[in-house]
Amino acid sequence: MAAAKKTAKKAAGKKAAAKKAPAKKTAAKKTAKKTAAKKTAKKTAKKAAGKKTAKKGTRKTSASASAAGNVVVASKVKDAVKSQDVRMSSDFPEALNAEVQELIDRATQRAKDNNRGTVRPSDL
């Protein structure tokens, strides 16, 4: 009878150990998920910090400097030129940008001369 009790105790111990093992695995999985989430959060924070500093570095200081920025999108110009079955030189978008900027400057000056704060198509 003593042997039967020992066998029963061993079986009960194995069942208890089997119940505890998944709990350990679950805790390990949770820890792994938390660690992965923290790493992802750190990467996101680093990217956001990098973008913020990049934006600060590209700011213009004066109103005239901001007006001198690119108005023309080079990729769109390239697409438009390509649709006409012609090639485009690399300095064409810069020259086009200068021309467009001149048009804008003349139109805004005409609107101001006419005591208006709004630029209209007729100002071109």
PDB file of N, CA and C in Angstrom:
ATOM      1  N   MET A   1       0.808  -1.179   0.000  1.00  0.00           N
ATOM      2  CA  MET A   1       0.000   0.000   0.000  1.00  0.00           C
ATOM      3  C   MET A   1       0.863   1.260   0.000  1.00  0.00           C
ATOM      4  N   ALA A   2       2.015   1.189   0.604  1.00  0.00           N
ATOM      5  CA  ALA A   2       2.917   2.330   0.668  1.00  0.00           C
ATOM      6  C   ALA A   2       3.407   2.685  -0.737  1.00  0.00           C
ATOM      7  N   ALA A   3       3.627   1.665  -1.543  1.00  0.00           N
ATOM      8  CA  ALA A   3       4.065   1.900  -2.918  1.00  0.00           C
ATOM      9  C   ALA A   3       2.974   2.586  -3.720  1.00  0.00           C
ATOM     10  N   ALA A   4       1.735   2.250  -3.465  1.00  0.00           N
ATOM     11  CA  ALA A   4       0.613   2.871  -4.168  1.00  0.00           C
ATOM     12  C   ALA A   4       0.515   4.354  -3.812  1.00  0.00           C
ATOM     13  N   LYS A   5       0.781   4.702  -2.533  1.00  0.00           N
ATOM     14  CA  LYS A   5       0.735   6.100  -2.105  1.00  0.00           C
ATOM     15  C   LYS A   5       1.842   6.897  -2.777  1.00  0.00           C
ATOM     16  N   LYS A   6       3.047   6.301  -2.870  1.00  0.00           N
ATOM     17  CA  LYS A   6       4.173   6.989  -3.498  1.00  0.00           C
ATOM     18  C   LYS A   6       3.889   7.262  -4.977  1.00  0.00           C
ATOM     19  N   THR A   7       3.306   6.286  -5.632  1.00  0.00           N
ATOM     20  CA  THR A   7       2.973   6.435  -7.038  1.00  0.00           C
ATOM     21  C   THR A   7       1.928   7.528  -7.231  1.00  0.00           C
ATOM     22  N   ALA A   8       0.965   7.592  -6.328  1.00  0.00           N
ATOM     23  CA  ALA A   8      -0.085   8.602  -6.399  1.00  0.00           C
ATOM     24  C   ALA A   8       0.505   9.995  -6.175  1.00  0.00           C
ATOM     25  N   LYS A   9       1.459  10.096  -5.219  1.00  0.00           N
ATOM     26  CA  LYS A   9       2.088  11.384  -4.948  1.00  0.00           C
ATOM     27  C   LYS A   9       2.903  11.857  -6.141  1.00  0.00           C
ATOM     28  N   LYS A  10       3.631  10.923  -6.769  1.00  0.00           N
ATOM     29  CA  LYS A  10       4.423  11.273  -7.939  1.00  0.00           C
ATOM     30  C   LYS A  10       3.522  11.765  -9.073  1.00  0.00           C
ATOM     31  N   ALA A  11       2.411  11.091  -9.288  1.00  0.00           N
ATOM     32  CA  ALA A  11       1.477  11.472 -10.338  1.00  0.00           C
ATOM     33  C   ALA A  11       0.885  12.852 -10.055  1.00  0.00           C
ATOM     34  N   ALA A  12       0.561  13.120  -8.791  1.00  0.00           N
ATOM     35  CA  ALA A  12       0.006  14.413  -8.405  1.00  0.00           C
ATOM     36  C   ALA A  12       1.065  15.504  -8.588  1.00  0.00           C
ATOM     37  N   GLY A  13       2.299  15.185  -8.259  1.00  0.00           N
ATOM     38  CA  GLY A  13       3.392  16.155  -8.431  1.00  0.00           C
ATOM     39  C   GLY A  13       3.626  16.489  -9.891  1.00  0.00           C
ATOM     40  N   LYS A  14       3.545  15.480 -10.749  1.00  0.00           N
ATOM     41  CA  LYS A  14       3.716  15.723 -12.192  1.00  0.00           C
ATOM     42  C   LYS A  14       2.602  16.600 -12.742  1.00  0.00           C
ATOM     43  N   LYS A  15       1.364  16.376 -12.267  1.00  0.00           N
ATOM     44  CA  LYS A  15       0.231  17.185 -12.726  1.00  0.00           C
ATOM     45  C   LYS A  15       0.413  18.641 -12.292  1.00  0.00           C
ATOM     46  N   ALA A  16       0.870  18.849 -11.074  1.00  0.00           N
ATOM     47  CA  ALA A  16       1.085  20.206 -10.567  1.00  0.00           C
ATOM     48  C   ALA A  16       2.203  20.885 -11.353  1.00  0.00           C
ATOM     49  N   ALA A  17       3.265  20.145 -11.657  1.00  0.00           N
ATOM     50  CA  ALA A  17       4.376  20.703 -12.430  1.00  0.00           C
ATOM     51  C   ALA A  17       3.915  21.050 -13.843  1.00  0.00           C
ATOM     52  N   ALA A  18       3.076  20.215 -14.400  1.00  0.00           N
ATOM     53  CA  ALA A  18       2.566  20.460 -15.744  1.00  0.00           C
ATOM     54  C   ALA A  18       1.699  21.712 -15.777  1.00  0.00           C
ATOM     55  N   LYS A  19       0.961  21.966 -14.703  1.00  0.00           N
ATOM     56  CA  LYS A  19       0.120  23.150 -14.647  1.00  0.00           C
ATOM     57  C   LYS A  19       0.971  24.415 -14.497  1.00  0.00           C
ATOM     58  N   LYS A  20       2.088  24.324 -13.762  1.00  0.00           N
ATOM     59  CA  LYS A  20       2.938  25.489 -13.530  1.00  0.00           C
ATOM     60  C   LYS A  20       3.766  25.846 -14.763  1.00  0.00           C
ATOM     61  N   ALA A  21       4.155  24.884 -15.554  1.00  0.00           N
ATOM     62  CA  ALA A  21       5.022  25.137 -16.706  1.00  0.00           C
ATOM     63  C   ALA A  21       4.405  26.110 -17.705  1.00  0.00           C
ATOM     64  N   PRO A  22       3.147  25.951 -18.076  1.00  0.00           N
ATOM     65  CA  PRO A  22       2.589  26.924 -19.018  1.00  0.00           C
ATOM     66  C   PRO A  22       2.566  28.344 -18.456  1.00  0.00           C
ATOM     67  N   ALA A  23       2.403  28.456 -17.151  1.00  0.00           N
ATOM     68  CA  ALA A  23       2.406  29.776 -16.547  1.00  0.00           C
ATOM     69  C   ALA A  23       3.758  30.451 -16.745  1.00  0.00           C
ATOM     70  N   LYS A  24       4.840  29.686 -16.626  1.00  0.00           N
ATOM     71  CA  LYS A  24       6.172  30.239 -16.846  1.00  0.00           C
ATOM     72  C   LYS A  24       6.350  30.650 -18.295  1.00  0.00           C
ATOM     73  N   LYS A  25       5.869  29.835 -19.225  1.00  0.00           N
ATOM     74  CA  LYS A  25       5.979  30.155 -20.637  1.00  0.00           C
ATOM     75  C   LYS A  25       5.187  31.421 -20.960  1.00  0.00           C
ATOM     76  N   THR A  26       3.998  31.535 -20.363  1.00  0.00           N
ATOM     77  CA  THR A  26       3.175  32.714 -20.589  1.00  0.00           C
ATOM     78  C   THR A  26       3.876  33.961 -20.080  1.00  0.00           C
ATOM     79  N   ALA A  27       4.498  33.860 -18.913  1.00  0.00           N
ATOM     80  CA  ALA A  27       5.231  35.002 -18.371  1.00  0.00           C
ATOM     81  C   ALA A  27       6.395  35.364 -19.282  1.00  0.00           C
ATOM     82  N   ALA A  28       7.066  34.361 -19.822  1.00  0.00           N
ATOM     83  CA  ALA A  28       8.189  34.610 -20.723  1.00  0.00           C
ATOM     84  C   ALA A  28       7.697  35.278 -22.011  1.00  0.00           C
ATOM     85  N   LYS A  29       6.558  34.820 -22.508  1.00  0.00           N
ATOM     86  CA  LYS A  29       5.991  35.420 -23.711  1.00  0.00           C
ATOM     87  C   LYS A  29       5.619  36.879 -23.465  1.00  0.00           C
ATOM     88  N   LYS A  30       5.023  37.147 -22.294  1.00  0.00           N
ATOM     89  CA  LYS A  30       4.642  38.513 -21.965  1.00  0.00           C
ATOM     90  C   LYS A  30       5.870  39.408 -21.881  1.00  0.00           C
ATOM     91  N   THR A  31       6.929  38.898 -21.257  1.00  0.00           N
ATOM     92  CA  THR A  31       8.164  39.663 -21.135  1.00  0.00           C
ATOM     93  C   THR A  31       8.751  39.940 -22.508  1.00  0.00           C
ATOM     94  N   ALA A  32       8.716  38.935 -23.384  1.00  0.00           N
ATOM     95  CA  ALA A  32       9.239  39.108 -24.737  1.00  0.00           C
ATOM     96  C   ALA A  32       8.428  40.154 -25.505  1.00  0.00           C
ATOM     97  N   LYS A  33       7.122  40.116 -25.334  1.00  0.00           N
ATOM     98  CA  LYS A  33       6.268  41.097 -25.999  1.00  0.00           C
ATOM     99  C   LYS A  33       6.548  42.501 -25.495  1.00  0.00           C
ATOM    100  N   LYS A  34       6.731  42.645 -24.166  1.00  0.00           N
ATOM    101  CA  LYS A  34       7.027  43.956 -23.599  1.00  0.00           C
ATOM    102  C   LYS A  34       8.356  44.476 -24.115  1.00  0.00           C
ATOM    103  N   THR A  35       9.343  43.600 -24.182  1.00  0.00           N
ATOM    104  CA  THR A  35      10.660  43.992 -24.671  1.00  0.00           C
ATOM    105  C   THR A  35      10.574  44.442 -26.128  1.00  0.00           C
ATOM    106  N   ALA A  36       9.858  43.693 -26.936  1.00  0.00           N
ATOM    107  CA  ALA A  36       9.697  44.049 -28.345  1.00  0.00           C
ATOM    108  C   ALA A  36       8.959  45.384 -28.480  1.00  0.00           C
ATOM    109  N   ALA A  37       7.967  45.595 -27.646  1.00  0.00           N
ATOM    110  CA  ALA A  37       7.219  46.851 -27.692  1.00  0.00           C
ATOM    111  C   ALA A  37       8.110  48.026 -27.300  1.00  0.00           C
ATOM    112  N   LYS A  38       8.973  47.813 -26.297  1.00  0.00           N
ATOM    113  CA  LYS A  38       9.883  48.879 -25.877  1.00  0.00           C
ATOM    114  C   LYS A  38      10.869  49.221 -26.979  1.00  0.00           C
ATOM    115  N   LYS A  39      11.401  48.186 -27.659  1.00  0.00           N
ATOM    116  CA  LYS A  39      12.343  48.421 -28.751  1.00  0.00           C
ATOM    117  C   LYS A  39      11.674  49.198 -29.875  1.00  0.00           C
ATOM    118  N   THR A  40      10.451  48.821 -30.200  1.00  0.00           N
ATOM    119  CA  THR A  40       9.714  49.504 -31.250  1.00  0.00           C
ATOM    120  C   THR A  40       9.465  50.962 -30.862  1.00  0.00           C
ATOM    121  N   ALA A  41       9.113  51.179 -29.597  1.00  0.00           N
ATOM    122  CA  ALA A  41       8.872  52.539 -29.130  1.00  0.00           C
ATOM    123  C   ALA A  41      10.149  53.377 -29.203  1.00  0.00           C
ATOM    124  N   LYS A  42      11.283  52.777 -28.856  1.00  0.00           N
ATOM    125  CA  LYS A  42      12.554  53.493 -28.923  1.00  0.00           C
ATOM    126  C   LYS A  42      12.897  53.868 -30.352  1.00  0.00           C
ATOM    127  N   LYS A  43      12.705  52.929 -31.289  1.00  0.00           N
ATOM    128  CA  LYS A  43      12.991  53.199 -32.696  1.00  0.00           C
ATOM    129  C   LYS A  43      12.105  54.323 -33.211  1.00  0.00           C
ATOM    130  N   THR A  44      10.836  54.278 -32.845  1.00  0.00           N
ATOM    131  CA  THR A  44       9.897  55.313 -33.278  1.00  0.00           C
ATOM    132  C   THR A  44      10.298  56.672 -32.721  1.00  0.00           C
ATOM    133  N   ALA A  45      10.702  56.685 -31.452  1.00  0.00           N
ATOM    134  CA  ALA A  45      11.125  57.944 -30.831  1.00  0.00           C
ATOM    135  C   ALA A  45      12.374  58.493 -31.511  1.00  0.00           C
ATOM    136  N   LYS A  46      13.320  57.612 -31.858  1.00  0.00           N
ATOM    137  CA  LYS A  46      14.535  58.058 -32.535  1.00  0.00           C
ATOM    138  C   LYS A  46      14.205  58.637 -33.905  1.00  0.00           C
ATOM    139  N   LYS A  47      13.313  57.968 -34.641  1.00  0.00           N
ATOM    140  CA  LYS A  47      12.925  58.468 -35.968  1.00  0.00           C
ATOM    141  C   LYS A  47      12.255  59.825 -35.852  1.00  0.00           C
ATOM    142  N   ALA A  48      11.362  59.955 -34.878  1.00  0.00           N
ATOM    143  CA  ALA A  48      10.654  61.225 -34.689  1.00  0.00           C
ATOM    144  C   ALA A  48      11.636  62.324 -34.307  1.00  0.00           C
ATOM    145  N   ALA A  49      12.591  62.011 -33.452  1.00  0.00           N
ATOM    146  CA  ALA A  49      13.583  63.005 -33.048  1.00  0.00           C
ATOM    147  C   ALA A  49      14.435  63.419 -34.241  1.00  0.00           C
ATOM    148  N   GLY A  50      14.779  62.465 -35.084  1.00  0.00           N
ATOM    149  CA  GLY A  50      15.565  62.767 -36.274  1.00  0.00           C
ATOM    150  C   GLY A  50      14.802  63.653 -37.234  1.00  0.00           C
ATOM    151  N   LYS A  51      13.518  63.415 -37.383  1.00  0.00           N
ATOM    152  CA  LYS A  51      12.701  64.230 -38.280  1.00  0.00           C
ATOM    153  C   LYS A  51      12.556  65.649 -37.748  1.00  0.00           C
ATOM    154  N   LYS A  52      12.406  65.779 -36.430  1.00  0.00           N
ATOM    155  CA  LYS A  52      12.260  67.103 -35.849  1.00  0.00           C
ATOM    156  C   LYS A  52      13.515  67.927 -36.069  1.00  0.00           C
ATOM    157  N   THR A  53      14.673  67.323 -35.846  1.00  0.00           N
ATOM    158  CA  THR A  53      15.907  68.072 -36.030  1.00  0.00           C
ATOM    159  C   THR A  53      16.129  68.394 -37.496  1.00  0.00           C
ATOM    160  N   ALA A  54      15.722  67.500 -38.380  1.00  0.00           N
ATOM    161  CA  ALA A  54      15.885  67.761 -39.800  1.00  0.00           C
ATOM    162  C   ALA A  54      15.003  68.936 -40.227  1.00  0.00           C
ATOM    163  N   LYS A  55      13.799  68.993 -39.710  1.00  0.00           N
ATOM    164  CA  LYS A  55      12.901  70.090 -40.055  1.00  0.00           C
ATOM    165  C   LYS A  55      13.448  71.410 -39.539  1.00  0.00           C
ATOM    166  N   LYS A  56      14.005  71.416 -38.322  1.00  0.00           N
ATOM    167  CA  LYS A  56      14.533  72.648 -37.758  1.00  0.00           C
ATOM    168  C   LYS A  56      15.695  73.161 -38.591  1.00  0.00           C
ATOM    169  N   GLY A  57      16.486  72.254 -39.102  1.00  0.00           N
ATOM    170  CA  GLY A  57      17.650  72.649 -39.880  1.00  0.00           C
ATOM    171  C   GLY A  57      17.295  73.232 -41.227  1.00  0.00           C
ATOM    172  N   THR A  58      16.128  72.936 -41.762  1.00  0.00           N
ATOM    173  CA  THR A  58      15.763  73.407 -43.090  1.00  0.00           C
ATOM    174  C   THR A  58      14.915  74.677 -43.069  1.00  0.00           C
ATOM    175  N   ARG A  59      14.659  75.210 -41.898  1.00  0.00           N
ATOM    176  CA  ARG A  59      13.839  76.416 -41.821  1.00  0.00           C
ATOM    177  C   ARG A  59      14.563  77.616 -42.410  1.00  0.00           C
ATOM    178  N   LYS A  60      13.815  78.468 -43.059  1.00  0.00           N
ATOM    179  CA  LYS A  60      14.351  79.711 -43.611  1.00  0.00           C
ATOM    180  C   LYS A  60      14.221  80.792 -42.548  1.00  0.00           C
ATOM    181  N   THR A  61      15.140  81.761 -42.550  1.00  0.00           N
ATOM    182  CA  THR A  61      15.129  82.768 -41.500  1.00  0.00           C
ATOM    183  C   THR A  61      14.337  84.010 -41.871  1.00  0.00           C
ATOM    184  N   SER A  62      14.313  84.374 -43.122  1.00  0.00           N
ATOM    185  CA  SER A  62      13.600  85.597 -43.495  1.00  0.00           C
ATOM    186  C   SER A  62      12.472  85.291 -44.473  1.00  0.00           C
ATOM    187  N   ALA A  63      11.600  86.253 -44.652  1.00  0.00           N
ATOM    188  CA  ALA A  63      10.462  86.069 -45.559  1.00  0.00           C
ATOM    189  C   ALA A  63      10.933  85.951 -46.999  1.00  0.00           C
ATOM    190  N   SER A  64      11.942  86.730 -47.364  1.00  0.00           N
ATOM    191  CA  SER A  64      12.430  86.671 -48.738  1.00  0.00           C
ATOM    192  C   SER A  64      13.134  85.349 -49.014  1.00  0.00           C
ATOM    193  N   ALA A  65      13.765  84.781 -47.997  1.00  0.00           N
ATOM    194  CA  ALA A  65      14.426  83.492 -48.182  1.00  0.00           C
ATOM    195  C   ALA A  65      13.403  82.385 -48.383  1.00  0.00           C
ATOM    196  N   SER A  66      12.280  82.456 -47.673  1.00  0.00           N
ATOM    197  CA  SER A  66      11.255  81.427 -47.845  1.00  0.00           C
ATOM    198  C   SER A  66      10.586  81.556 -49.206  1.00  0.00           C
ATOM    199  N   ALA A  67      10.513  82.772 -49.727  1.00  0.00           N
ATOM    200  CA  ALA A  67       9.917  82.975 -51.040  1.00  0.00           C
ATOM    201  C   ALA A  67      10.821  82.430 -52.135  1.00  0.00           C
ATOM    202  N   ALA A  68      12.127  82.337 -51.852  1.00  0.00           N
ATOM    203  CA  ALA A  68      13.078  81.868 -52.851  1.00  0.00           C
ATOM    204  C   ALA A  68      13.154  80.348 -52.910  1.00  0.00           C
ATOM    205  N   GLY A  69      12.366  79.633 -52.101  1.00  0.00           N
ATOM    206  CA  GLY A  69      12.369  78.172 -52.097  1.00  0.00           C
ATOM    207  C   GLY A  69      11.818  77.613 -53.390  1.00  0.00           C
ATOM    208  N   ASN A  70      11.895  76.299 -53.525  1.00  0.00           N
ATOM    209  CA  ASN A  70      11.393  75.656 -54.729  1.00  0.00           C
ATOM    210  C   ASN A  70       9.877  75.719 -54.783  1.00  0.00           C
ATOM    211  N   VAL A  71       9.380  76.199 -55.885  1.00  0.00           N
ATOM    212  CA  VAL A  71       7.945  76.259 -56.131  1.00  0.00           C
ATOM    213  C   VAL A  71       7.548  75.121 -57.060  1.00  0.00           C
ATOM    214  N   VAL A  72       8.490  74.727 -57.905  1.00  0.00           N
ATOM    215  CA  VAL A  72       8.261  73.707 -58.914  1.00  0.00           C
ATOM    216  C   VAL A  72       8.736  72.358 -58.384  1.00  0.00           C
ATOM    217  N   VAL A  73       7.951  71.325 -58.625  1.00  0.00           N
ATOM    218  CA  VAL A  73       8.333  69.969 -58.236  1.00  0.00           C
ATOM    219  C   VAL A  73       9.026  69.323 -59.432  1.00  0.00           C
ATOM    220  N   ALA A  74      10.311  69.005 -59.241  1.00  0.00           N
ATOM    221  CA  ALA A  74      11.129  68.514 -60.354  1.00  0.00           C
ATOM    222  C   ALA A  74      10.587  67.224 -60.957  1.00  0.00           C
ATOM    223  N   SER A  75      10.087  66.328 -60.121  1.00  0.00           N
ATOM    224  CA  SER A  75       9.581  65.063 -60.653  1.00  0.00           C
ATOM    225  C   SER A  75       8.348  65.271 -61.535  1.00  0.00           C
ATOM    226  N   LYS A  76       7.514  66.237 -61.157  1.00  0.00           N
ATOM    227  CA  LYS A  76       6.319  66.536 -61.970  1.00  0.00           C
ATOM    228  C   LYS A  76       6.717  67.189 -63.290  1.00  0.00           C
ATOM    229  N   VAL A  77       7.727  68.055 -63.229  1.00  0.00           N
ATOM    230  CA  VAL A  77       8.222  68.690 -64.453  1.00  0.00           C
ATOM    231  C   VAL A  77       8.785  67.627 -65.384  1.00  0.00           C
ATOM    232  N   LYS A  78       9.547  66.701 -64.804  1.00  0.00           N
ATOM    233  CA  LYS A  78      10.145  65.620 -65.607  1.00  0.00           C
ATOM    234  C   LYS A  78       9.060  64.784 -66.275  1.00  0.00           C
ATOM    235  N   ASP A  79       8.002  64.469 -65.532  1.00  0.00           N
ATOM    236  CA  ASP A  79       6.891  63.702 -66.104  1.00  0.00           C
ATOM    237  C   ASP A  79       6.223  64.449 -67.251  1.00  0.00           C
ATOM    238  N   ALA A  80       6.026  65.754 -67.057  1.00  0.00           N
ATOM    239  CA  ALA A  80       5.380  66.552 -68.097  1.00  0.00           C
ATOM    240  C   ALA A  80       6.241  66.627 -69.356  1.00  0.00           C
ATOM    241  N   VAL A  81       7.535  66.796 -69.174  1.00  0.00           N
ATOM    242  CA  VAL A  81       8.443  66.868 -70.326  1.00  0.00           C
ATOM    243  C   VAL A  81       8.519  65.512 -71.017  1.00  0.00           C
ATOM    244  N   LYS A  82       8.576  64.459 -70.227  1.00  0.00           N
ATOM    245  CA  LYS A  82       8.673  63.108 -70.785  1.00  0.00           C
ATOM    246  C   LYS A  82       7.420  62.753 -71.591  1.00  0.00           C
ATOM    247  N   SER A  83       6.258  63.272 -71.157  1.00  0.00           N
ATOM    248  CA  SER A  83       5.017  62.978 -71.883  1.00  0.00           C
ATOM    249  C   SER A  83       5.025  63.610 -73.277  1.00  0.00           C
ATOM    250  N   GLN A  84       5.902  64.600 -73.487  1.00  0.00           N
ATOM    251  CA  GLN A  84       6.027  65.251 -74.801  1.00  0.00           C
ATOM    252  C   GLN A  84       7.119  64.593 -75.650  1.00  0.00           C
ATOM    253  N   ASP A  85       7.612  63.439 -75.205  1.00  0.00           N
ATOM    254  CA  ASP A  85       8.661  62.677 -75.908  1.00  0.00           C
ATOM    255  C   ASP A  85       9.939  63.497 -76.102  1.00  0.00           C
ATOM    256  N   VAL A  86      10.331  64.211 -75.052  1.00  0.00           N
ATOM    257  CA  VAL A  86      11.552  65.016 -75.063  1.00  0.00           C
ATOM    258  C   VAL A  86      12.300  64.732 -73.771  1.00  0.00           C
ATOM    259  N   ARG A  87      13.614  64.856 -73.813  1.00  0.00           N
ATOM    260  CA  ARG A  87      14.415  64.689 -72.601  1.00  0.00           C
ATOM    261  C   ARG A  87      14.595  66.032 -71.912  1.00  0.00           C
ATOM    262  N   MET A  88      14.986  65.970 -70.635  1.00  0.00           N
ATOM    263  CA  MET A  88      15.126  67.176 -69.842  1.00  0.00           C
ATOM    264  C   MET A  88      16.518  67.238 -69.233  1.00  0.00           C
ATOM    265  N   SER A  89      17.164  68.393 -69.283  1.00  0.00           N
ATOM    266  CA  SER A  89      18.471  68.534 -68.642  1.00  0.00           C
ATOM    267  C   SER A  89      18.276  68.687 -67.138  1.00  0.00           C
ATOM    268  N   SER A  90      19.319  68.445 -66.388  1.00  0.00           N
ATOM    269  CA  SER A  90      19.200  68.457 -64.928  1.00  0.00           C
ATOM    270  C   SER A  90      18.987  69.854 -64.355  1.00  0.00           C
ATOM    271  N   ASP A  91      19.395  70.889 -65.072  1.00  0.00           N
ATOM    272  CA  ASP A  91      19.224  72.243 -64.548  1.00  0.00           C
ATOM    273  C   ASP A  91      17.935  72.920 -65.028  1.00  0.00           C
ATOM    274  N   PHE A  92      17.138  72.241 -65.813  1.00  0.00           N
ATOM    275  CA  PHE A  92      15.877  72.807 -66.294  1.00  0.00           C
ATOM    276  C   PHE A  92      14.902  73.133 -65.164  1.00  0.00           C
ATOM    277  N   PRO A  93      14.691  72.235 -64.176  1.00  0.00           N
ATOM    278  CA  PRO A  93      13.752  72.578 -63.100  1.00  0.00           C
ATOM    279  C   PRO A  93      14.165  73.835 -62.329  1.00  0.00           C
ATOM    280  N   GLU A  94      15.465  74.044 -62.148  1.00  0.00           N
ATOM    281  CA  GLU A  94      15.929  75.248 -61.453  1.00  0.00           C
ATOM    282  C   GLU A  94      15.579  76.505 -62.251  1.00  0.00           C
ATOM    283  N   ALA A  95      15.809  76.463 -63.553  1.00  0.00           N
ATOM    284  CA  ALA A  95      15.496  77.612 -64.401  1.00  0.00           C
ATOM    285  C   ALA A  95      13.989  77.862 -64.436  1.00  0.00           C
ATOM    286  N   LEU A  96      13.215  76.782 -64.519  1.00  0.00           N
ATOM    287  CA  LEU A  96      11.756  76.922 -64.520  1.00  0.00           C
ATOM    288  C   LEU A  96      11.280  77.498 -63.195  1.00  0.00           C
ATOM    289  N   ASN A  97      11.893  77.055 -62.114  1.00  0.00           N
ATOM    290  CA  ASN A  97      11.540  77.570 -60.792  1.00  0.00           C
ATOM    291  C   ASN A  97      11.794  79.078 -60.716  1.00  0.00           C
ATOM    292  N   ALA A  98      12.915  79.525 -61.267  1.00  0.00           N
ATOM    293  CA  ALA A  98      13.228  80.958 -61.267  1.00  0.00           C
ATOM    294  C   ALA A  98      12.183  81.745 -62.049  1.00  0.00           C
ATOM    295  N   GLU A  99      11.756  81.207 -63.183  1.00  0.00           N
ATOM    296  CA  GLU A  99      10.734  81.882 -63.995  1.00  0.00           C
ATOM    297  C   GLU A  99       9.395  81.955 -63.265  1.00  0.00           C
ATOM    298  N   VAL A 100       9.013  80.864 -62.635  1.00  0.00           N
ATOM    299  CA  VAL A 100       7.743  80.836 -61.903  1.00  0.00           C
ATOM    300  C   VAL A 100       7.809  81.806 -60.723  1.00  0.00           C
ATOM    301  N   GLN A 101       8.952  81.829 -60.048  1.00  0.00           N
ATOM    302  CA  GLN A 101       9.112  82.747 -58.924  1.00  0.00           C
ATOM    303  C   GLN A 101       8.978  84.206 -59.385  1.00  0.00           C
ATOM    304  N   GLU A 102       9.528  84.517 -60.551  1.00  0.00           N
ATOM    305  CA  GLU A 102       9.399  85.859 -61.126  1.00  0.00           C
ATOM    306  C   GLU A 102       7.936  86.199 -61.404  1.00  0.00           C
ATOM    307  N   LEU A 103       7.209  85.255 -61.981  1.00  0.00           N
ATOM    308  CA  LEU A 103       5.772  85.463 -62.244  1.00  0.00           C
ATOM    309  C   LEU A 103       5.020  85.749 -60.942  1.00  0.00           C
ATOM    310  N   ILE A 104       5.326  84.979 -59.918  1.00  0.00           N
ATOM    311  CA  ILE A 104       4.650  85.163 -58.628  1.00  0.00           C
ATOM    312  C   ILE A 104       4.985  86.537 -58.052  1.00  0.00           C
ATOM    313  N   ASP A 105       6.251  86.924 -58.129  1.00  0.00           N
ATOM    314  CA  ASP A 105       6.658  88.228 -57.603  1.00  0.00           C
ATOM    315  C   ASP A 105       5.933  89.369 -58.318  1.00  0.00           C
ATOM    316  N   ARG A 106       5.845  89.292 -59.656  1.00  0.00           N
ATOM    317  CA  ARG A 106       5.150  90.335 -60.417  1.00  0.00           C
ATOM    318  C   ARG A 106       3.662  90.375 -60.084  1.00  0.00           C
ATOM    319  N   ALA A 107       3.052  89.193 -59.940  1.00  0.00           N
ATOM    320  CA  ALA A 107       1.619  89.139 -59.638  1.00  0.00           C
ATOM    321  C   ALA A 107       1.334  89.689 -58.238  1.00  0.00           C
ATOM    322  N   THR A 108       2.155  89.361 -57.275  1.00  0.00           N
ATOM    323  CA  THR A 108       1.925  89.884 -55.920  1.00  0.00           C
ATOM    324  C   THR A 108       2.143  91.393 -55.869  1.00  0.00           C
ATOM    325  N   GLN A 109       3.136  91.874 -56.602  1.00  0.00           N
ATOM    326  CA  GLN A 109       3.373  93.314 -56.633  1.00  0.00           C
ATOM    327  C   GLN A 109       2.190  94.043 -57.269  1.00  0.00           C
ATOM    328  N   ARG A 110       1.613  93.491 -58.323  1.00  0.00           N
ATOM    329  CA  ARG A 110       0.454  94.114 -58.986  1.00  0.00           C
ATOM    330  C   ARG A 110      -0.745  94.148 -58.049  1.00  0.00           C
ATOM    331  N   ALA A 111      -0.928  93.047 -57.276  1.00  0.00           N
ATOM    332  CA  ALA A 111      -2.037  93.019 -56.321  1.00  0.00           C
ATOM    333  C   ALA A 111      -1.841  94.088 -55.244  1.00  0.00           C
ATOM    334  N   LYS A 112      -0.614  94.247 -54.764  1.00  0.00           N
ATOM    335  CA  LYS A 112      -0.333  95.282 -53.756  1.00  0.00           C
ATOM    336  C   LYS A 112      -0.538  96.686 -54.325  1.00  0.00           C
ATOM    337  N   ASP A 113      -0.116  96.877 -55.575  1.00  0.00           N
ATOM    338  CA  ASP A 113      -0.295  98.179 -56.224  1.00  0.00           C
ATOM    339  C   ASP A 113      -1.773  98.543 -56.365  1.00  0.00           C
ATOM    340  N   ASN A 114      -2.618  97.540 -56.489  1.00  0.00           N
ATOM    341  CA  ASN A 114      -4.066  97.755 -56.611  1.00  0.00           C
ATOM    342  C   ASN A 114      -4.766  97.697 -55.252  1.00  0.00           C
ATOM    343  N   ASN A 115      -3.987  97.805 -54.188  1.00  0.00           N
ATOM    344  CA  ASN A 115      -4.517  97.807 -52.810  1.00  0.00           C
ATOM    345  C   ASN A 115      -5.325  96.549 -52.484  1.00  0.00           C
ATOM    346  N   ARG A 116      -4.851  95.415 -52.957  1.00  0.00           N
ATOM    347  CA  ARG A 116      -5.497  94.138 -52.662  1.00  0.00           C
ATOM    348  C   ARG A 116      -4.525  93.235 -51.921  1.00  0.00           C
ATOM    349  N   GLY A 117      -5.071  92.387 -51.064  1.00  0.00           N
ATOM    350  CA  GLY A 117      -4.262  91.404 -50.365  1.00  0.00           C
ATOM    351  C   GLY A 117      -4.391  90.022 -50.980  1.00  0.00           C
ATOM    352  N   THR A 118      -5.113  89.947 -52.086  1.00  0.00           N
ATOM    353  CA  THR A 118      -5.351  88.670 -52.746  1.00  0.00           C
ATOM    354  C   THR A 118      -4.816  88.722 -54.166  1.00  0.00           C
ATOM    355  N   VAL A 119      -4.060  87.715 -54.521  1.00  0.00           N
ATOM    356  CA  VAL A 119      -3.531  87.623 -55.895  1.00  0.00           C
ATOM    357  C   VAL A 119      -4.584  86.909 -56.732  1.00  0.00           C
ATOM    358  N   ARG A 120      -4.898  87.482 -57.878  1.00  0.00           N
ATOM    359  CA  ARG A 120      -5.914  86.931 -58.773  1.00  0.00           C
ATOM    360  C   ARG A 120      -5.266  86.499 -60.078  1.00  0.00           C
ATOM    361  N   PRO A 121      -5.948  85.666 -60.852  1.00  0.00           N
ATOM    362  CA  PRO A 121      -5.402  85.274 -62.168  1.00  0.00           C
ATOM    363  C   PRO A 121      -5.134  86.471 -63.079  1.00  0.00           C
ATOM    364  N   SER A 122      -5.917  87.525 -62.912  1.00  0.00           N
ATOM    365  CA  SER A 122      -5.717  88.702 -63.755  1.00  0.00           C
ATOM    366  C   SER A 122      -4.387  89.406 -63.445  1.00  0.00           C
ATOM    367  N   ASP A 123      -3.777  89.105 -62.317  1.00  0.00           N
ATOM    368  CA  ASP A 123      -2.482  89.694 -61.946  1.00  0.00           C
ATOM    369  C   ASP A 123      -1.338  89.084 -62.739  1.00  0.00           C
ATOM    370  N   LEU A 124      -1.590  87.950 -63.368  1.00  0.00           N
ATOM    371  CA  LEU A 124      -0.545  87.331 -64.171  1.00  0.00           C
ATOM    372  C   LEU A 124      -0.437  88.061 -65.501  1.00  0.00           C
TER     373      LEU A 124
END
